[in-house]
Each structure stands twice: as C-alpha cells, then as structure tokens.
PDB file of N, CA and C in Angstrom:
ATOM      1  N   MET A   1       2.502  18.136  12.238  1.00  0.00           N
ATOM      2  CA  MET A   1       3.689  17.308  12.300  1.00  0.00           C
ATOM      3  C   MET A   1       4.873  18.130  11.794  1.00  0.00           C
ATOM      4  N   ALA A   2       5.956  18.059  12.510  1.00  0.00           N
ATOM      5  CA  ALA A   2       7.173  18.747  12.081  1.00  0.00           C
ATOM      6  C   ALA A   2       7.736  18.043  10.852  1.00  0.00           C
ATOM      7  N   VAL A   3       8.388  18.803  10.007  1.00  0.00           N
ATOM      8  CA  VAL A   3       9.001  18.223   8.816  1.00  0.00           C
ATOM      9  C   VAL A   3      10.504  18.439   8.870  1.00  0.00           C
ATOM     10  N   LYS A   4      11.223  17.578   8.181  1.00  0.00           N
ATOM     11  CA  LYS A   4      12.675  17.676   8.109  1.00  0.00           C
ATOM     12  C   LYS A   4      13.086  17.452   6.668  1.00  0.00           C
ATOM     13  N   LYS A   5      13.897  18.334   6.161  1.00  0.00           N
ATOM     14  CA  LYS A   5      14.388  18.199   4.794  1.00  0.00           C
ATOM     15  C   LYS A   5      15.518  17.171   4.777  1.00  0.00           C
ATOM     16  N   VAL A   6      15.422  16.225   3.837  1.00  0.00           N
ATOM     17  CA  VAL A   6      16.442  15.184   3.697  1.00  0.00           C
ATOM     18  C   VAL A   6      16.835  15.072   2.232  1.00  0.00           C
ATOM     19  N   THR A   7      17.954  14.443   2.002  1.00  0.00           N
ATOM     20  CA  THR A   7      18.410  14.182   0.642  1.00  0.00           C
ATOM     21  C   THR A   7      18.445  12.677   0.440  1.00  0.00           C
ATOM     22  N   VAL A   8      17.841  12.215  -0.652  1.00  0.00           N
ATOM     23  CA  VAL A   8      17.881  10.796  -0.996  1.00  0.00           C
ATOM     24  C   VAL A   8      18.337  10.663  -2.440  1.00  0.00           C
ATOM     25  N   THR A   9      18.890   9.527  -2.758  1.00  0.00           N
ATOM     26  CA  THR A   9      19.326   9.244  -4.124  1.00  0.00           C
ATOM     27  C   THR A   9      18.411   8.176  -4.698  1.00  0.00           C
ATOM     28  N   LEU A  10      17.784   8.507  -5.833  1.00  0.00           N
ATOM     29  CA  LEU A  10      16.850   7.591  -6.486  1.00  0.00           C
ATOM     30  C   LEU A  10      17.197   7.487  -7.960  1.00  0.00           C
ATOM     31  N   PRO A  11      16.825   6.382  -8.589  1.00  0.00           N
ATOM     32  CA  PRO A  11      17.028   6.273 -10.034  1.00  0.00           C
ATOM     33  C   PRO A  11      16.262   7.391 -10.754  1.00  0.00           C
ATOM     34  N   GLU A  12      16.884   7.937 -11.791  1.00  0.00           N
ATOM     35  CA  GLU A  12      16.296   9.057 -12.524  1.00  0.00           C
ATOM     36  C   GLU A  12      14.895   8.735 -13.037  1.00  0.00           C
ATOM     37  N   GLU A  13      14.703   7.531 -13.556  1.00  0.00           N
ATOM     38  CA  GLU A  13      13.398   7.152 -14.094  1.00  0.00           C
ATOM     39  C   GLU A  13      12.332   7.159 -13.006  1.00  0.00           C
ATOM     40  N   LEU A  14      12.710   6.741 -11.806  1.00  0.00           N
ATOM     41  CA  LEU A  14      11.766   6.729 -10.694  1.00  0.00           C
ATOM     42  C   LEU A  14      11.389   8.154 -10.299  1.00  0.00           C
ATOM     43  N   VAL A  15      12.371   9.035 -10.256  1.00  0.00           N
ATOM     44  CA  VAL A  15      12.099  10.439  -9.925  1.00  0.00           C
ATOM     45  C   VAL A  15      11.153  11.045 -10.956  1.00  0.00           C
ATOM     46  N   GLU A  16      11.391  10.759 -12.223  1.00  0.00           N
ATOM     47  CA  GLU A  16      10.519  11.285 -13.281  1.00  0.00           C
ATOM     48  C   GLU A  16       9.099  10.747 -13.138  1.00  0.00           C
ATOM     49  N   ALA A  17       8.973   9.455 -12.868  1.00  0.00           N
ATOM     50  CA  ALA A  17       7.647   8.855 -12.713  1.00  0.00           C
ATOM     51  C   ALA A  17       6.936   9.413 -11.482  1.00  0.00           C
ATOM     52  N   LEU A  18       7.670   9.584 -10.394  1.00  0.00           N
ATOM     53  CA  LEU A  18       7.077  10.162  -9.187  1.00  0.00           C
ATOM     54  C   LEU A  18       6.648  11.602  -9.424  1.00  0.00           C
ATOM     55  N   GLY A  19       7.482  12.358 -10.126  1.00  0.00           N
ATOM     56  CA  GLY A  19       7.134  13.739 -10.445  1.00  0.00           C
ATOM     57  C   GLY A  19       5.866  13.811 -11.277  1.00  0.00           C
ATOM     58  N   SER A  20       5.746  12.942 -12.263  1.00  0.00           N
ATOM     59  CA  SER A  20       4.539  12.898 -13.093  1.00  0.00           C
ATOM     60  C   SER A  20       3.317  12.547 -12.255  1.00  0.00           C
ATOM     61  N   ALA A  21       3.459  11.560 -11.382  1.00  0.00           N
ATOM     62  CA  ALA A  21       2.338  11.156 -10.530  1.00  0.00           C
ATOM     63  C   ALA A  21       1.927  12.289  -9.595  1.00  0.00           C
ATOM     64  N   ALA A  22       2.911  12.991  -9.042  1.00  0.00           N
ATOM     65  CA  ALA A  22       2.606  14.107  -8.140  1.00  0.00           C
ATOM     66  C   ALA A  22       1.867  15.214  -8.886  1.00  0.00           C
ATOM     67  N   ARG A  23       2.341  15.546 -10.082  1.00  0.00           N
ATOM     68  CA  ARG A  23       1.660  16.578 -10.879  1.00  0.00           C
ATOM     69  C   ARG A  23       0.241  16.149 -11.230  1.00  0.00           C
ATOM     70  N   GLU A  24       0.093  14.886 -11.604  1.00  0.00           N
ATOM     71  CA  GLU A  24      -1.228  14.352 -11.951  1.00  0.00           C
ATOM     72  C   GLU A  24      -2.189  14.466 -10.768  1.00  0.00           C
ATOM     73  N   ASP A  25      -1.670  14.206  -9.569  1.00  0.00           N
ATOM     74  CA  ASP A  25      -2.499  14.275  -8.359  1.00  0.00           C
ATOM     75  C   ASP A  25      -2.611  15.687  -7.804  1.00  0.00           C
ATOM     76  N   GLY A  26      -1.808  16.607  -8.341  1.00  0.00           N
ATOM     77  CA  GLY A  26      -1.833  17.980  -7.852  1.00  0.00           C
ATOM     78  C   GLY A  26      -1.263  18.135  -6.455  1.00  0.00           C
ATOM     79  N   VAL A  27      -0.254  17.327  -6.143  1.00  0.00           N
ATOM     80  CA  VAL A  27       0.380  17.395  -4.825  1.00  0.00           C
ATOM     81  C   VAL A  27       1.883  17.573  -5.001  1.00  0.00           C
ATOM     82  N   PRO A  28       2.546  18.124  -3.996  1.00  0.00           N
ATOM     83  CA  PRO A  28       4.005  18.223  -4.073  1.00  0.00           C
ATOM     84  C   PRO A  28       4.648  16.834  -4.087  1.00  0.00           C
ATOM     85  N   LEU A  29       5.780  16.739  -4.747  1.00  0.00           N
ATOM     86  CA  LEU A  29       6.521  15.476  -4.797  1.00  0.00           C
ATOM     87  C   LEU A  29       6.809  14.964  -3.390  1.00  0.00           C
ATOM     88  N   SER A  30       7.173  15.862  -2.482  1.00  0.00           N
ATOM     89  CA  SER A  30       7.492  15.431  -1.121  1.00  0.00           C
ATOM     90  C   SER A  30       6.289  14.776  -0.446  1.00  0.00           C
ATOM     91  N   ARG A  31       5.077  15.257  -0.735  1.00  0.00           N
ATOM     92  CA  ARG A  31       3.882  14.647  -0.137  1.00  0.00           C
ATOM     93  C   ARG A  31       3.674  13.242  -0.692  1.00  0.00           C
ATOM     94  N   LEU A  32       3.884  13.069  -1.983  1.00  0.00           N
ATOM     95  CA  LEU A  32       3.728  11.751  -2.593  1.00  0.00           C
ATOM     96  C   LEU A  32       4.743  10.766  -2.010  1.00  0.00           C
ATOM     97  N   VAL A  33       5.981  11.203  -1.879  1.00  0.00           N
ATOM     98  CA  VAL A  33       7.030  10.338  -1.326  1.00  0.00           C
ATOM     99  C   VAL A  33       6.734  10.021   0.139  1.00  0.00           C
ATOM    100  N   ALA A  34       6.286  11.019   0.909  1.00  0.00           N
ATOM    101  CA  ALA A  34       5.951  10.786   2.317  1.00  0.00           C
ATOM    102  C   ALA A  34       4.815   9.777   2.438  1.00  0.00           C
ATOM    103  N   SER A  35       3.817   9.892   1.569  1.00  0.00           N
ATOM    104  CA  SER A  35       2.692   8.957   1.593  1.00  0.00           C
ATOM    105  C   SER A  35       3.162   7.536   1.288  1.00  0.00           C
ATOM    106  N   ALA A  36       4.050   7.391   0.317  1.00  0.00           N
ATOM    107  CA  ALA A  36       4.588   6.070  -0.018  1.00  0.00           C
ATOM    108  C   ALA A  36       5.387   5.498   1.151  1.00  0.00           C
ATOM    109  N   ALA A  37       6.162   6.341   1.815  1.00  0.00           N
ATOM    110  CA  ALA A  37       6.949   5.886   2.964  1.00  0.00           C
ATOM    111  C   ALA A  37       6.029   5.461   4.108  1.00  0.00           C
ATOM    112  N   GLU A  38       4.974   6.230   4.343  1.00  0.00           N
ATOM    113  CA  GLU A  38       4.016   5.871   5.393  1.00  0.00           C
ATOM    114  C   GLU A  38       3.342   4.541   5.075  1.00  0.00           C
ATOM    115  N   SER A  39       2.986   4.329   3.820  1.00  0.00           N
ATOM    116  CA  SER A  39       2.371   3.062   3.414  1.00  0.00           C
ATOM    117  C   SER A  39       3.317   1.893   3.673  1.00  0.00           C
ATOM    118  N   GLU A  40       4.585   2.070   3.352  1.00  0.00           N
ATOM    119  CA  GLU A  40       5.571   1.011   3.594  1.00  0.00           C
ATOM    120  C   GLU A  40       5.677   0.703   5.083  1.00  0.00           C
ATOM    121  N   LEU A  41       5.698   1.732   5.916  1.00  0.00           N
ATOM    122  CA  LEU A  41       5.788   1.503   7.358  1.00  0.00           C
ATOM    123  C   LEU A  41       4.549   0.780   7.883  1.00  0.00           C
ATOM    124  N   ARG A  42       3.358   1.120   7.369  1.00  0.00           N
ATOM    125  CA  ARG A  42       2.137   0.414   7.772  1.00  0.00           C
ATOM    126  C   ARG A  42       2.199  -1.055   7.350  1.00  0.00           C
ATOM    127  N   ARG A  43       2.701  -1.325   6.146  1.00  0.00           N
ATOM    128  CA  ARG A  43       2.838  -2.723   5.697  1.00  0.00           C
ATOM    129  C   ARG A  43       3.788  -3.488   6.613  1.00  0.00           C
ATOM    130  N   ARG A  44       4.867  -2.847   7.020  1.00  0.00           N
ATOM    131  CA  ARG A  44       5.818  -3.513   7.918  1.00  0.00           C
ATOM    132  C   ARG A  44       5.168  -3.857   9.253  1.00  0.00           C
ATOM    133  N   VAL A  45       4.380  -2.919   9.782  1.00  0.00           N
ATOM    134  CA  VAL A  45       3.671  -3.180  11.037  1.00  0.00           C
ATOM    135  C   VAL A  45       2.710  -4.347  10.845  1.00  0.00           C
ATOM    136  N   GLY A  46       1.983  -4.347   9.731  1.00  0.00           N
ATOM    137  CA  GLY A  46       1.047  -5.435   9.449  1.00  0.00           C
ATOM    138  C   GLY A  46       1.742  -6.782   9.355  1.00  0.00           C
ATOM    139  N   ARG A  47       2.876  -6.814   8.661  1.00  0.00           N
ATOM    140  CA  ARG A  47       3.625  -8.079   8.546  1.00  0.00           C
ATOM    141  C   ARG A  47       4.101  -8.551   9.914  1.00  0.00           C
ATOM    142  N   LYS A  48       4.501  -7.618  10.772  1.00  0.00           N
ATOM    143  CA  LYS A  48       4.964  -7.974  12.118  1.00  0.00           C
ATOM    144  C   LYS A  48       3.809  -8.544  12.938  1.00  0.00           C
ATOM    145  N   VAL A  49       2.643  -7.914  12.847  1.00  0.00           N
ATOM    146  CA  VAL A  49       1.471  -8.410  13.572  1.00  0.00           C
ATOM    147  C   VAL A  49       1.136  -9.828  13.116  1.00  0.00           C
ATOM    148  N   VAL A  50       1.141 -10.060  11.810  1.00  0.00           N
ATOM    149  CA  VAL A  50       0.837 -11.388  11.275  1.00  0.00           C
ATOM    150  C   VAL A  50       1.889 -12.398  11.737  1.00  0.00           C
ATOM    151  N   ALA A  51       3.154 -12.031  11.660  1.00  0.00           N
ATOM    152  CA  ALA A  51       4.223 -12.949  12.080  1.00  0.00           C
ATOM    153  C   ALA A  51       4.100 -13.283  13.564  1.00  0.00           C
ATOM    154  N   ASP A  52       3.815 -12.276  14.385  1.00  0.00           N
ATOM    155  CA  ASP A  52       3.651 -12.520  15.821  1.00  0.00           C
ATOM    156  C   ASP A  52       2.460 -13.437  16.089  1.00  0.00           C
ATOM    157  N   TRP A  53       1.346 -13.195  15.376  1.00  0.00           N
ATOM    158  CA  TRP A  53       0.152 -14.024  15.565  1.00  0.00           C
ATOM    159  C   TRP A  53       0.459 -15.465  15.179  1.00  0.00           C
ATOM    160  N   GLN A  54       1.120 -15.644  14.031  1.00  0.00           N
ATOM    161  CA  GLN A  54       1.433 -16.998  13.576  1.00  0.00           C
ATOM    162  C   GLN A  54       2.436 -17.678  14.500  1.00  0.00           C
ATOM    163  N   ALA A  55       3.348 -16.922  15.071  1.00  0.00           N
ATOM    164  CA  ALA A  55       4.301 -17.515  16.009  1.00  0.00           C
ATOM    165  C   ALA A  55       3.573 -18.063  17.234  1.00  0.00           C
ATOM    166  N   GLU A  56       2.493 -17.405  17.621  1.00  0.00           N
ATOM    167  CA  GLU A  56       1.740 -17.841  18.794  1.00  0.00           C
ATOM    168  C   GLU A  56       0.697 -18.909  18.463  1.00  0.00           C
ATOM    169  N   HIS A  57       0.061 -18.809  17.290  1.00  0.00           N
ATOM    170  CA  HIS A  57      -1.079 -19.667  16.968  1.00  0.00           C
ATOM    171  C   HIS A  57      -0.824 -20.660  15.835  1.00  0.00           C
ATOM    172  N   GLY A  58       0.299 -20.553  15.169  1.00  0.00           N
ATOM    173  CA  GLY A  58       0.581 -21.429  14.044  1.00  0.00           C
ATOM    174  C   GLY A  58       0.267 -20.755  12.723  1.00  0.00           C
ATOM    175  N   ALA A  59       0.823 -21.307  11.670  1.00  0.00           N
ATOM    176  CA  ALA A  59       0.648 -20.734  10.334  1.00  0.00           C
ATOM    177  C   ALA A  59      -0.810 -20.818   9.904  1.00  0.00           C
ATOM    178  N   PHE A  60      -1.207 -19.880   9.046  1.00  0.00           N
ATOM    179  CA  PHE A  60      -2.556 -19.900   8.495  1.00  0.00           C
ATOM    180  C   PHE A  60      -2.719 -21.130   7.611  1.00  0.00           C
ATOM    181  N   THR A  61      -3.915 -21.690   7.624  1.00  0.00           N
ATOM    182  CA  THR A  61      -4.212 -22.819   6.739  1.00  0.00           C
ATOM    183  C   THR A  61      -4.532 -22.281   5.346  1.00  0.00           C
ATOM    184  N   LEU A  62      -4.516 -23.175   4.367  1.00  0.00           N
ATOM    185  CA  LEU A  62      -4.894 -22.776   3.010  1.00  0.00           C
ATOM    186  C   LEU A  62      -6.327 -22.251   2.977  1.00  0.00           C
ATOM    187  N   GLU A  63      -7.201 -22.849   3.777  1.00  0.00           N
ATOM    188  CA  GLU A  63      -8.596 -22.404   3.830  1.00  0.00           C
ATOM    189  C   GLU A  63      -8.692 -20.993   4.407  1.00  0.00           C
ATOM    190  N   GLU A  64      -7.928 -20.719   5.459  1.00  0.00           N
ATOM    191  CA  GLU A  64      -7.938 -19.375   6.054  1.00  0.00           C
ATOM    192  C   GLU A  64      -7.406 -18.340   5.068  1.00  0.00           C
ATOM    193  N   LEU A  65      -6.351 -18.698   4.356  1.00  0.00           N
ATOM    194  CA  LEU A  65      -5.801 -17.774   3.363  1.00  0.00           C
ATOM    195  C   LEU A  65      -6.794 -17.519   2.238  1.00  0.00           C
ATOM    196  N   ALA A  66      -7.482 -18.572   1.776  1.00  0.00           N
ATOM    197  CA  ALA A  66      -8.481 -18.412   0.716  1.00  0.00           C
ATOM    198  C   ALA A  66      -9.625 -17.521   1.186  1.00  0.00           C
ATOM    199  N   ALA A  67     -10.070 -17.708   2.424  1.00  0.00           N
ATOM    200  CA  ALA A  67     -11.152 -16.879   2.964  1.00  0.00           C
ATOM    201  C   ALA A  67     -10.710 -15.421   3.070  1.00  0.00           C
ATOM    202  N   ALA A  68      -9.482 -15.201   3.500  1.00  0.00           N
ATOM    203  CA  ALA A  68      -8.968 -13.832   3.613  1.00  0.00           C
ATOM    204  C   ALA A  68      -8.875 -13.174   2.243  1.00  0.00           C
ATOM    205  N   ARG A  69      -8.395 -13.924   1.251  1.00  0.00           N
ATOM    206  CA  ARG A  69      -8.314 -13.373  -0.113  1.00  0.00           C
ATOM    207  C   ARG A  69      -9.701 -13.019  -0.642  1.00  0.00           C
ATOM    208  N   ALA A  70     -10.680 -13.867  -0.369  1.00  0.00           N
ATOM    209  CA  ALA A  70     -12.049 -13.594  -0.822  1.00  0.00           C
ATOM    210  C   ALA A  70     -12.599 -12.343  -0.146  1.00  0.00           C
ATOM    211  N   GLU A  71     -12.335 -12.184   1.145  1.00  0.00           N
ATOM    212  CA  GLU A  71     -12.795 -10.989   1.856  1.00  0.00           C
ATOM    213  C   GLU A  71     -12.126  -9.736   1.310  1.00  0.00           C
ATOM    214  N   MET A  72     -10.829  -9.823   1.022  1.00  0.00           N
ATOM    215  CA  MET A  72     -10.129  -8.656   0.468  1.00  0.00           C
ATOM    216  C   MET A  72     -10.653  -8.314  -0.919  1.00  0.00           C
ATOM    217  N   ALA A  73     -10.923  -9.330  -1.732  1.00  0.00           N
ATOM    218  CA  ALA A  73     -11.460  -9.081  -3.072  1.00  0.00           C
ATOM    219  C   ALA A  73     -12.831  -8.422  -2.981  1.00  0.00           C
ATOM    220  N   ALA A  74     -13.655  -8.874  -2.043  1.00  0.00           N
ATOM    221  CA  ALA A  74     -14.980  -8.275  -1.866  1.00  0.00           C
ATOM    222  C   ALA A  74     -14.857  -6.830  -1.401  1.00  0.00           C
ATOM    223  N   ALA A  75     -13.931  -6.568  -0.491  1.00  0.00           N
ATOM    224  CA  ALA A  75     -13.726  -5.200  -0.014  1.00  0.00           C
ATOM    225  C   ALA A  75     -13.222  -4.304  -1.139  1.00  0.00           C
ATOM    226  N   ASP A  76     -12.304  -4.821  -1.961  1.00  0.00           N
ATOM    227  CA  ASP A  76     -11.813  -4.054  -3.110  1.00  0.00           C
ATOM    228  C   ASP A  76     -12.940  -3.764  -4.088  1.00  0.00           C
ATOM    229  N   ALA A  77     -13.773  -4.777  -4.352  1.00  0.00           N
ATOM    230  CA  ALA A  77     -14.881  -4.594  -5.289  1.00  0.00           C
ATOM    231  C   ALA A  77     -15.825  -3.513  -4.793  1.00  0.00           C
ATOM    232  N   GLU A  78     -16.076  -3.505  -3.491  1.00  0.00           N
ATOM    233  CA  GLU A  78     -16.954  -2.489  -2.914  1.00  0.00           C
ATOM    234  C   GLU A  78     -16.293  -1.116  -2.946  1.00  0.00           C
ATOM    235  N   ALA A  79     -15.031  -1.053  -2.579  1.00  0.00           N
ATOM    236  CA  ALA A  79     -14.328   0.231  -2.509  1.00  0.00           C
ATOM    237  C   ALA A  79     -14.127   0.843  -3.881  1.00  0.00           C
ATOM    238  N   PHE A  80     -13.855   0.011  -4.868  1.00  0.00           N
ATOM    239  CA  PHE A  80     -13.541   0.519  -6.200  1.00  0.00           C
ATOM    240  C   PHE A  80     -14.680   0.317  -7.192  1.00  0.00           C
ATOM    241  N   ASP A  81     -15.816  -0.186  -6.720  1.00  0.00           N
ATOM    242  CA  ASP A  81     -17.003  -0.404  -7.543  1.00  0.00           C
ATOM    243  C   ASP A  81     -16.643  -1.066  -8.868  1.00  0.00           C
ATOM    244  N   VAL A  82     -16.013  -2.235  -8.775  1.00  0.00           N
ATOM    245  CA  VAL A  82     -15.594  -2.941  -9.981  1.00  0.00           C
ATOM    246  C   VAL A  82     -16.749  -3.661 -10.665  1.00  0.00           C
ATOM    247  N   SER A  83     -17.963  -3.471 -10.177  1.00  0.00           N
ATOM    248  CA  SER A  83     -19.111  -4.130 -10.797  1.00  0.00           C
ATOM    249  C   SER A  83     -19.715  -3.303 -11.920  1.00  0.00           C
ATOM    250  N   GLY A  84     -19.195  -2.099 -12.135  1.00  0.00           N
ATOM    251  CA  GLY A  84     -19.746  -1.200 -13.146  1.00  0.00           C
ATOM    252  C   GLY A  84     -19.401  -1.622 -14.554  1.00  0.00           C
ATOM    253  N   PRO A  85     -19.784  -0.800 -15.550  1.00  0.00           N
ATOM    254  CA  PRO A  85     -19.580  -1.129 -16.968  1.00  0.00           C
ATOM    255  C   PRO A  85     -18.121  -1.380 -17.331  1.00  0.00           C
ATOM    256  N   ALA A  86     -17.185  -0.680 -16.686  1.00  0.00           N
ATOM    257  CA  ALA A  86     -15.771  -0.856 -17.023  1.00  0.00           C
ATOM    258  C   ALA A  86     -15.279  -2.245 -16.653  1.00  0.00           C
ATOM    259  N   ALA A  87     -15.942  -2.891 -15.696  1.00  0.00           N
ATOM    260  CA  ALA A  87     -15.518  -4.218 -15.253  1.00  0.00           C
ATOM    261  C   ALA A  87     -15.991  -5.309 -16.203  1.00  0.00           C
ATOM    262  N   ALA A  88     -16.938  -5.002 -17.048  1.00  0.00           N
ATOM    263  CA  ALA A  88     -17.511  -6.024 -17.935  1.00  0.00           C
ATOM    264  C   ALA A  88     -16.590  -6.392 -19.065  1.00  0.00           C
TER     265      ALA A  88
END
C-alpha cells in the first residue's frame, strides 16, 4: 500500500499517550495511528450496514439485542480467555 505523509494536530496528552503505546507495542507511532484510523473506518462501515438493515427490516428488538450482547460476550471470553485465574 502506498503511504502519504500528512500533518495532523492532536492534543499533547494524546500524542504522549499514543507515543507510549507505540513504544510499548514496539511499532512506529504512524502504524498505531493508521491502525486506529482503520478501526474507526471499519466501525463506520458496520454502523452503516446495521442502519441499512434496520431501515429495511425494522429496529432490533430488546431480545435480539440481548442475544447479540451474549454472543459478543462469549466471543470475547473465548478470544481473551477470561475464564482463567485472573478472571476470578
């Protein structure tokens, strides 16, 4: 993928926190910022898909939302192994 250098203005505290996170992860600051931007764009696409679906089929019911939350919690538990000793 081609890259383009840009200039952005961010609060100093945010830049410091991002720099610390990048160093902790052993990645360049630009990679961390690019990853965050990509995540935001994916969330926007997801929200659009949900809005389009609801526009066609109607809003989710409370039961559907509860089932979705339970599925996400189960997926998180599996992905992050929250059943271990630290979770107790």
